[in-house]
Amino acid sequence: MRHYGTKDGLRDAVQDHVARVFEPMLDQVVRPAEAEALDQGAVPALAGMAAAGSASAGEDPAVRAAFLLVNDVAVLILRDRIREVLGTDPLSAAGMRRWGGEVLAVYRDGIGAGH
């Protein structure tokens, strides 16, 4: 209360801090010149995977492609922390086997399956 005045003031300060922290990371992953290519690449990539039978485009292909892209970007942003927690780089061959198995299980069976 002393620093921010209200809960809304604290919430705004936290949101500003998060934006300041993540913006440079996102800029490293997705530069403005590349953002348009990603917009034009995620949906067509999903369509290609659907045509090959390795994915479903879903009811809303743009949302599904964005969801998959966000998950991929999250791994890139959090890669070092994931490596610390798991003891394996999620993008190494061993990490992909370990990470990929769980990812596929969640996508295939849902988050509540397997318990």
C-alpha atoms as a PDB file:
ATOM      1  CA  MET A   1       0.000   0.000   0.000  1.00  0.00           C
ATOM      2  CA  ARG A   2       2.855   2.350   0.852  1.00  0.00           C
ATOM      3  CA  HIS A   3       4.472   2.025  -2.592  1.00  0.00           C
ATOM      4  CA  TYR A   4       1.519   1.452  -4.907  1.00  0.00           C
ATOM      5  CA  GLY A   5      -1.469   2.931  -3.108  1.00  0.00           C
ATOM      6  CA  THR A   6      -3.989   0.251  -4.051  1.00  0.00           C
ATOM      7  CA  LYS A   7      -4.216  -3.334  -5.287  1.00  0.00           C
ATOM      8  CA  ASP A   8      -4.811  -1.916  -8.762  1.00  0.00           C
ATOM      9  CA  GLY A   9      -1.616   0.101  -8.432  1.00  0.00           C
ATOM     10  CA  LEU A  10       0.306  -3.016  -7.460  1.00  0.00           C
ATOM     11  CA  ARG A  11      -1.283  -5.006 -10.290  1.00  0.00           C
ATOM     12  CA  ASP A  12      -0.339  -2.274 -12.799  1.00  0.00           C
ATOM     13  CA  ALA A  13       3.240  -2.238 -11.481  1.00  0.00           C
ATOM     14  CA  VAL A  14       3.504  -6.018 -11.831  1.00  0.00           C
ATOM     15  CA  GLN A  15       2.102  -5.930 -15.367  1.00  0.00           C
ATOM     16  CA  ASP A  16       4.545  -3.172 -16.325  1.00  0.00           C
ATOM     17  CA  HIS A  17       7.428  -5.174 -14.847  1.00  0.00           C
ATOM     18  CA  VAL A  18       6.421  -8.347 -16.695  1.00  0.00           C
ATOM     19  CA  ALA A  19       6.138  -6.415 -19.955  1.00  0.00           C
ATOM     20  CA  ARG A  20       9.604  -4.889 -19.430  1.00  0.00           C
ATOM     21  CA  VAL A  21      11.112  -8.301 -18.694  1.00  0.00           C
ATOM     22  CA  PHE A  22       9.499 -10.243 -21.528  1.00  0.00           C
ATOM     23  CA  GLU A  23       9.586  -7.631 -24.288  1.00  0.00           C
ATOM     24  CA  PRO A  24      13.371  -7.877 -24.849  1.00  0.00           C
ATOM     25  CA  MET A  25      13.152 -11.682 -24.811  1.00  0.00           C
ATOM     26  CA  LEU A  26      10.363 -11.673 -27.364  1.00  0.00           C
ATOM     27  CA  ASP A  27      12.317  -9.214 -29.501  1.00  0.00           C
ATOM     28  CA  GLN A  28      15.201 -11.705 -29.541  1.00  0.00           C
ATOM     29  CA  VAL A  29      12.914 -14.516 -30.637  1.00  0.00           C
ATOM     30  CA  VAL A  30      10.620 -12.612 -32.995  1.00  0.00           C
ATOM     31  CA  ARG A  31      12.081  -9.562 -34.638  1.00  0.00           C
ATOM     32  CA  PRO A  32       9.562  -7.240 -36.362  1.00  0.00           C
ATOM     33  CA  ALA A  33      10.774  -8.218 -39.840  1.00  0.00           C
ATOM     34  CA  GLU A  34      10.230 -11.869 -38.982  1.00  0.00           C
ATOM     35  CA  ALA A  35       6.834 -11.410 -37.318  1.00  0.00           C
ATOM     36  CA  GLU A  36       5.031 -11.171 -40.647  1.00  0.00           C
ATOM     37  CA  ALA A  37       6.761 -14.318 -41.871  1.00  0.00           C
ATOM     38  CA  LEU A  38       5.584 -16.151 -38.737  1.00  0.00           C
ATOM     39  CA  ASP A  39       2.036 -14.908 -39.275  1.00  0.00           C
ATOM     40  CA  GLN A  40       2.198 -16.193 -42.828  1.00  0.00           C
ATOM     41  CA  GLY A  41       4.056 -19.378 -41.814  1.00  0.00           C
ATOM     42  CA  ALA A  42       2.215 -20.815 -38.793  1.00  0.00           C
ATOM     43  CA  VAL A  43      -1.185 -21.387 -40.421  1.00  0.00           C
ATOM     44  CA  PRO A  44       0.246 -22.764 -43.694  1.00  0.00           C
ATOM     45  CA  ALA A  45       2.580 -25.036 -41.716  1.00  0.00           C
ATOM     46  CA  LEU A  46      -0.367 -26.398 -39.741  1.00  0.00           C
ATOM     47  CA  ALA A  47      -2.319 -26.860 -42.978  1.00  0.00           C
ATOM     48  CA  GLY A  48       0.600 -28.829 -44.418  1.00  0.00           C
ATOM     49  CA  MET A  49       0.778 -31.031 -41.323  1.00  0.00           C
ATOM     50  CA  ALA A  50      -2.989 -31.579 -41.514  1.00  0.00           C
ATOM     51  CA  ALA A  51      -2.748 -32.504 -45.193  1.00  0.00           C
ATOM     52  CA  ALA A  52      -0.015 -35.007 -44.340  1.00  0.00           C
ATOM     53  CA  GLY A  53      -2.202 -36.504 -41.608  1.00  0.00           C
ATOM     54  CA  SER A  54       0.165 -35.604 -38.766  1.00  0.00           C
ATOM     55  CA  ALA A  55      -2.065 -32.904 -37.223  1.00  0.00           C
ATOM     56  CA  SER A  56      -5.587 -31.614 -37.234  1.00  0.00           C
ATOM     57  CA  ALA A  57      -6.237 -28.028 -38.267  1.00  0.00           C
ATOM     58  CA  GLY A  58      -9.039 -27.932 -35.686  1.00  0.00           C
ATOM     59  CA  GLU A  59     -12.185 -25.863 -35.807  1.00  0.00           C
ATOM     60  CA  ASP A  60     -10.190 -22.610 -35.900  1.00  0.00           C
ATOM     61  CA  PRO A  61      -6.856 -23.174 -37.672  1.00  0.00           C
ATOM     62  CA  ALA A  62      -5.566 -19.663 -36.931  1.00  0.00           C
ATOM     63  CA  VAL A  63      -6.085 -20.130 -33.181  1.00  0.00           C
ATOM     64  CA  ARG A  64      -4.592 -23.622 -33.237  1.00  0.00           C
ATOM     65  CA  ALA A  65      -1.533 -22.393 -35.162  1.00  0.00           C
ATOM     66  CA  ALA A  66      -1.107 -19.472 -32.751  1.00  0.00           C
ATOM     67  CA  PHE A  67      -1.407 -21.834 -29.769  1.00  0.00           C
ATOM     68  CA  LEU A  68       1.267 -24.138 -31.157  1.00  0.00           C
ATOM     69  CA  LEU A  69       3.511 -21.173 -31.982  1.00  0.00           C
ATOM     70  CA  VAL A  70       3.154 -19.759 -28.463  1.00  0.00           C
ATOM     71  CA  ASN A  71       4.191 -23.114 -27.007  1.00  0.00           C
ATOM     72  CA  ASP A  72       7.261 -23.214 -29.242  1.00  0.00           C
ATOM     73  CA  VAL A  73       8.253 -19.635 -28.381  1.00  0.00           C
ATOM     74  CA  ALA A  74       7.759 -20.372 -24.673  1.00  0.00           C
ATOM     75  CA  VAL A  75      10.278 -23.226 -24.863  1.00  0.00           C
ATOM     76  CA  LEU A  76      12.791 -20.910 -26.539  1.00  0.00           C
ATOM     77  CA  ILE A  77      12.282 -18.174 -23.952  1.00  0.00           C
ATOM     78  CA  LEU A  78      12.346 -20.540 -20.980  1.00  0.00           C
ATOM     79  CA  ARG A  79      14.984 -22.910 -22.355  1.00  0.00           C
ATOM     80  CA  ASP A  80      17.674 -22.095 -19.781  1.00  0.00           C
ATOM     81  CA  ARG A  81      15.266 -22.424 -16.842  1.00  0.00           C
ATOM     82  CA  ILE A  82      13.838 -25.677 -18.234  1.00  0.00           C
ATOM     83  CA  ARG A  83      17.388 -27.006 -18.556  1.00  0.00           C
ATOM     84  CA  GLU A  84      18.052 -26.077 -14.908  1.00  0.00           C
ATOM     85  CA  VAL A  85      14.910 -27.822 -13.679  1.00  0.00           C
ATOM     86  CA  LEU A  86      15.078 -30.949 -15.861  1.00  0.00           C
ATOM     87  CA  GLY A  87      18.834 -31.284 -16.072  1.00  0.00           C
ATOM     88  CA  THR A  88      18.495 -31.630 -19.843  1.00  0.00           C
ATOM     89  CA  ASP A  89      18.284 -29.053 -22.618  1.00  0.00           C
ATOM     90  CA  PRO A  90      14.751 -29.494 -24.009  1.00  0.00           C
ATOM     91  CA  LEU A  91      16.068 -28.820 -27.520  1.00  0.00           C
ATOM     92  CA  SER A  92      18.863 -31.392 -27.406  1.00  0.00           C
ATOM     93  CA  ALA A  93      18.268 -34.884 -28.815  1.00  0.00           C
ATOM     94  CA  ALA A  94      17.841 -36.355 -25.328  1.00  0.00           C
ATOM     95  CA  GLY A  95      15.713 -33.434 -24.227  1.00  0.00           C
ATOM     96  CA  MET A  96      13.469 -33.688 -27.292  1.00  0.00           C
ATOM     97  CA  ARG A  97      12.860 -37.375 -26.583  1.00  0.00           C
ATOM     98  CA  ARG A  98      11.989 -36.627 -22.964  1.00  0.00           C
ATOM     99  CA  TRP A  99      10.073 -33.392 -23.647  1.00  0.00           C
ATOM    100  CA  GLY A 100       8.391 -34.665 -26.804  1.00  0.00           C
ATOM    101  CA  GLY A 101       6.970 -37.761 -25.138  1.00  0.00           C
ATOM    102  CA  GLU A 102       5.121 -35.716 -22.539  1.00  0.00           C
ATOM    103  CA  VAL A 103       4.020 -33.076 -25.043  1.00  0.00           C
ATOM    104  CA  LEU A 104       2.571 -35.707 -27.348  1.00  0.00           C
ATOM    105  CA  ALA A 105       0.818 -37.446 -24.457  1.00  0.00           C
ATOM    106  CA  VAL A 106      -0.829 -34.181 -23.384  1.00  0.00           C
ATOM    107  CA  TYR A 107      -1.864 -33.281 -26.928  1.00  0.00           C
ATOM    108  CA  ARG A 108      -3.119 -36.805 -27.605  1.00  0.00           C
ATOM    109  CA  ASP A 109      -4.818 -37.603 -24.299  1.00  0.00           C
ATOM    110  CA  GLY A 110      -5.377 -34.248 -22.604  1.00  0.00           C
ATOM    111  CA  ILE A 111      -3.861 -32.897 -19.431  1.00  0.00           C
ATOM    112  CA  GLY A 112      -5.909 -35.109 -17.082  1.00  0.00           C
ATOM    113  CA  ALA A 113      -5.039 -38.430 -18.692  1.00  0.00           C
ATOM    114  CA  GLY A 114      -2.405 -40.818 -17.392  1.00  0.00           C
ATOM    115  CA  HIS A 115      -2.947 -40.423 -13.677  1.00  0.00           C
END
